[in-house]
Amino acid sequence: MSEIEVLADLRTGADYQFGAGAGEALFPPDEPVTVRTSSGGRPRQVIAGDVDDTPGSSEGDRIVSYGTDGRFTLGVTGGHRLRTTVPALTHRIVVGEESEPFVREGRNAFAKFVTAADDGIRPGDEVLVVNDEDVLFGVGRAELSGAEALAFASGVAVKIRSGVGTDE
């Protein structure tokens, strides 16, 4: 299967997981990406730009990883791309400013600090953790549904995979 066909399949999967248009946003046709594959040829990671795969070379910016379950896990680059594409609050957990430094460091987002959440979020979904102005703090896996994240006063709402850092 050619890289063009692989990217077309990945775009279809992204549209299914995140909604119409997400595939084009994550993997624009006019932008070079590097698809790293498993030894069996299955896509594992999609990196922004042309990346030299020789040992010791630059890692590039990870857009997504593609799991064995057929679902994507977002990198920070993918989170930024998705945030600008999907409507406000979709795939998002909004936290208060007191959580910002912790989430940016890659620490989990707790339910007591959640101020808004997409009702469509289910445990296990990939989500963006943002503030009220839709500034991205991190990406991760929801541990609670959107409604539970708002209702609960304790517990982890999102296991953060990657924090954005304070320099972005």
Protein backbone atom coordinates (compact mmCIF):
# COMPACT_ATOMS: atom_id res chain seq x y z
CA MET A 1 0.00 0.00 0.00
CA SER A 2 1.43 3.40 -0.96
CA GLU A 3 1.87 6.23 1.54
CA ILE A 4 -0.91 8.15 -0.24
CA GLU A 5 -3.31 5.25 0.36
CA VAL A 6 -2.15 4.93 3.98
CA LEU A 7 -2.76 8.64 4.59
CA ALA A 8 -6.21 8.40 2.97
CA ASP A 9 -7.07 5.55 5.36
CA LEU A 10 -5.70 7.50 8.33
CA ARG A 11 -7.78 10.55 7.34
CA THR A 12 -10.90 8.36 7.22
CA GLY A 13 -10.12 6.97 10.68
CA ALA A 14 -9.56 10.48 12.08
CA ASP A 15 -12.88 11.66 10.61
CA TYR A 16 -14.61 8.71 12.30
CA GLN A 17 -12.95 9.26 15.68
CA PHE A 18 -12.98 13.08 15.85
CA GLY A 19 -15.63 14.17 13.31
CA ALA A 20 -15.80 15.35 9.72
CA GLY A 21 -12.77 17.37 8.62
CA ALA A 22 -10.45 16.09 11.34
CA GLY A 23 -8.52 13.88 8.90
CA GLU A 24 -7.71 16.81 6.62
CA ALA A 25 -6.73 18.95 9.62
CA LEU A 26 -4.44 16.35 11.15
CA PHE A 27 -2.88 15.22 7.84
CA PRO A 28 -3.19 18.06 5.29
CA PRO A 29 -2.66 16.82 1.73
CA ASP A 30 -0.29 19.69 0.92
CA GLU A 31 2.01 19.12 3.91
CA PRO A 32 4.69 16.43 4.11
CA VAL A 33 4.34 13.92 6.94
CA THR A 34 6.36 10.90 7.91
CA VAL A 35 4.46 7.70 8.66
CA ARG A 36 6.45 5.36 10.88
CA THR A 37 5.33 1.76 10.58
CA SER A 38 5.67 -1.43 12.57
CA SER A 39 7.79 -4.29 11.26
CA GLY A 40 4.59 -5.66 9.71
CA GLY A 41 3.92 -2.43 7.83
CA ARG A 42 1.10 -1.14 10.06
CA PRO A 43 1.15 2.64 10.73
CA ARG A 44 2.31 3.45 14.27
CA GLN A 45 3.14 7.17 14.35
CA VAL A 46 2.58 10.13 12.09
CA ILE A 47 5.19 12.88 12.41
CA ALA A 48 4.90 16.40 10.95
CA GLY A 49 7.36 17.04 8.11
CA ASP A 50 9.96 14.83 6.51
CA VAL A 51 11.89 13.13 9.30
CA ASP A 52 15.17 11.32 8.90
CA ASP A 53 14.66 7.87 10.49
CA THR A 54 18.34 7.20 11.09
CA PRO A 55 19.36 6.60 14.72
CA GLY A 56 20.10 9.83 16.57
CA SER A 57 18.11 12.03 14.18
CA SER A 58 15.51 14.58 15.26
CA GLU A 59 12.17 13.18 16.40
CA GLY A 60 10.03 15.86 14.76
CA ASP A 61 6.58 16.83 16.02
CA ARG A 62 4.31 13.84 16.64
CA ILE A 63 0.83 14.44 15.29
CA VAL A 64 -0.67 11.12 16.38
CA SER A 65 0.13 7.56 17.24
CA TYR A 66 -2.10 4.84 15.84
CA GLY A 67 -2.97 2.15 18.36
CA THR A 68 -3.56 -1.54 17.81
CA ASP A 69 -7.21 -0.86 18.67
CA GLY A 70 -7.52 1.37 15.58
CA ARG A 71 -7.78 4.59 17.58
CA PHE A 72 -5.50 7.59 17.52
CA THR A 73 -3.68 9.04 20.49
CA LEU A 74 -2.91 12.71 20.03
CA GLY A 75 0.43 14.43 20.28
CA VAL A 76 0.57 18.14 21.11
CA THR A 77 0.91 18.99 17.40
CA GLY A 78 -2.20 16.94 16.67
CA GLY A 79 -4.00 18.65 19.54
CA HIS A 80 -3.26 22.09 18.10
CA ARG A 81 -4.46 20.99 14.65
CA LEU A 82 -7.63 19.42 16.01
CA ARG A 83 -8.42 22.42 18.25
CA THR A 84 -8.49 24.76 15.26
CA THR A 85 -10.78 22.42 13.28
CA VAL A 86 -13.50 21.02 15.52
CA PRO A 87 -16.17 23.31 16.99
CA ALA A 88 -15.66 24.89 20.41
CA LEU A 89 -16.05 22.49 23.35
CA THR A 90 -16.01 19.41 21.09
CA HIS A 91 -13.48 16.86 22.42
CA ARG A 92 -12.52 19.36 25.12
CA ILE A 93 -12.30 19.45 28.89
CA VAL A 94 -12.08 23.04 30.17
CA VAL A 95 -10.16 23.56 33.40
CA GLY A 96 -9.65 26.59 35.61
CA GLU A 97 -6.45 28.62 35.72
CA GLU A 98 -5.26 26.88 38.90
CA SER A 99 -4.74 23.69 36.85
CA GLU A 100 -2.79 25.34 34.04
CA PRO A 101 0.79 24.93 35.33
CA PHE A 102 0.21 21.31 36.31
CA VAL A 103 -1.43 20.24 33.05
CA ARG A 104 1.25 22.05 31.02
CA GLU A 105 3.86 19.99 32.92
CA GLY A 106 2.05 16.81 31.89
CA ARG A 107 0.30 16.14 35.18
CA ASN A 108 -3.29 14.89 35.30
CA ALA A 109 -6.36 17.15 35.23
CA PHE A 110 -8.66 16.62 38.19
CA ALA A 111 -12.46 16.76 38.14
CA LYS A 112 -12.72 19.42 40.84
CA PHE A 113 -11.06 21.94 38.49
CA VAL A 114 -13.23 21.16 35.43
CA THR A 115 -15.45 24.12 34.48
CA ALA A 116 -16.94 22.76 31.22
CA ALA A 117 -16.83 19.58 29.18
CA ASP A 118 -18.18 18.09 25.97
CA ASP A 119 -21.22 15.94 26.87
CA GLY A 120 -20.16 13.47 24.18
CA ILE A 121 -16.90 12.54 25.93
CA ARG A 122 -16.73 8.95 27.15
CA PRO A 123 -14.06 7.37 29.33
CA GLY A 124 -11.13 6.38 27.11
CA ASP A 125 -11.69 9.14 24.54
CA GLU A 126 -8.83 11.36 23.40
CA VAL A 127 -9.44 14.90 24.62
CA LEU A 128 -7.95 18.37 24.56
CA VAL A 129 -7.50 20.12 27.90
CA VAL A 130 -8.04 23.86 27.44
CA ASN A 131 -8.95 26.99 29.38
CA ASP A 132 -11.98 29.28 28.88
CA GLU A 133 -10.23 31.02 25.95
CA ASP A 134 -9.58 27.64 24.25
CA VAL A 135 -5.81 27.78 24.85
CA LEU A 136 -4.43 24.25 24.70
CA PHE A 137 -2.74 23.06 27.92
CA GLY A 138 -2.40 19.36 27.08
CA VAL A 139 -3.79 16.26 25.43
CA GLY A 140 -4.75 12.99 27.04
CA ARG A 141 -7.24 10.23 27.72
CA ALA A 142 -10.54 10.97 29.48
CA GLU A 143 -10.99 8.91 32.63
CA LEU A 144 -14.54 10.19 33.15
CA SER A 145 -17.40 11.07 30.84
CA GLY A 146 -17.95 14.77 30.15
CA ALA A 147 -20.94 14.86 32.52
CA GLU A 148 -19.02 13.03 35.26
CA ALA A 149 -16.01 15.34 34.91
CA LEU A 150 -18.33 18.28 35.63
CA ALA A 151 -20.29 16.60 38.41
CA PHE A 152 -17.54 14.92 40.43
CA ALA A 153 -15.65 16.84 43.12
CA SER A 154 -12.66 14.51 43.15
CA GLY A 155 -10.74 12.09 40.99
CA VAL A 156 -8.77 12.24 37.76
CA ALA A 157 -10.80 13.61 34.84
CA VAL A 158 -8.03 13.34 32.22
CA LYS A 159 -4.78 11.38 32.24
CA ILE A 160 -2.49 13.82 30.48
CA ARG A 161 -0.24 12.24 27.87
CA SER A 162 1.54 15.44 26.81
CA GLY A 163 1.52 18.91 28.29
CA VAL A 164 2.01 21.90 26.04
CA GLY A 165 4.64 23.59 28.21
CA THR A 166 4.81 27.24 29.09
CA ASP A 167 6.86 28.38 26.08
CA GLU A 168 4.07 27.87 23.51
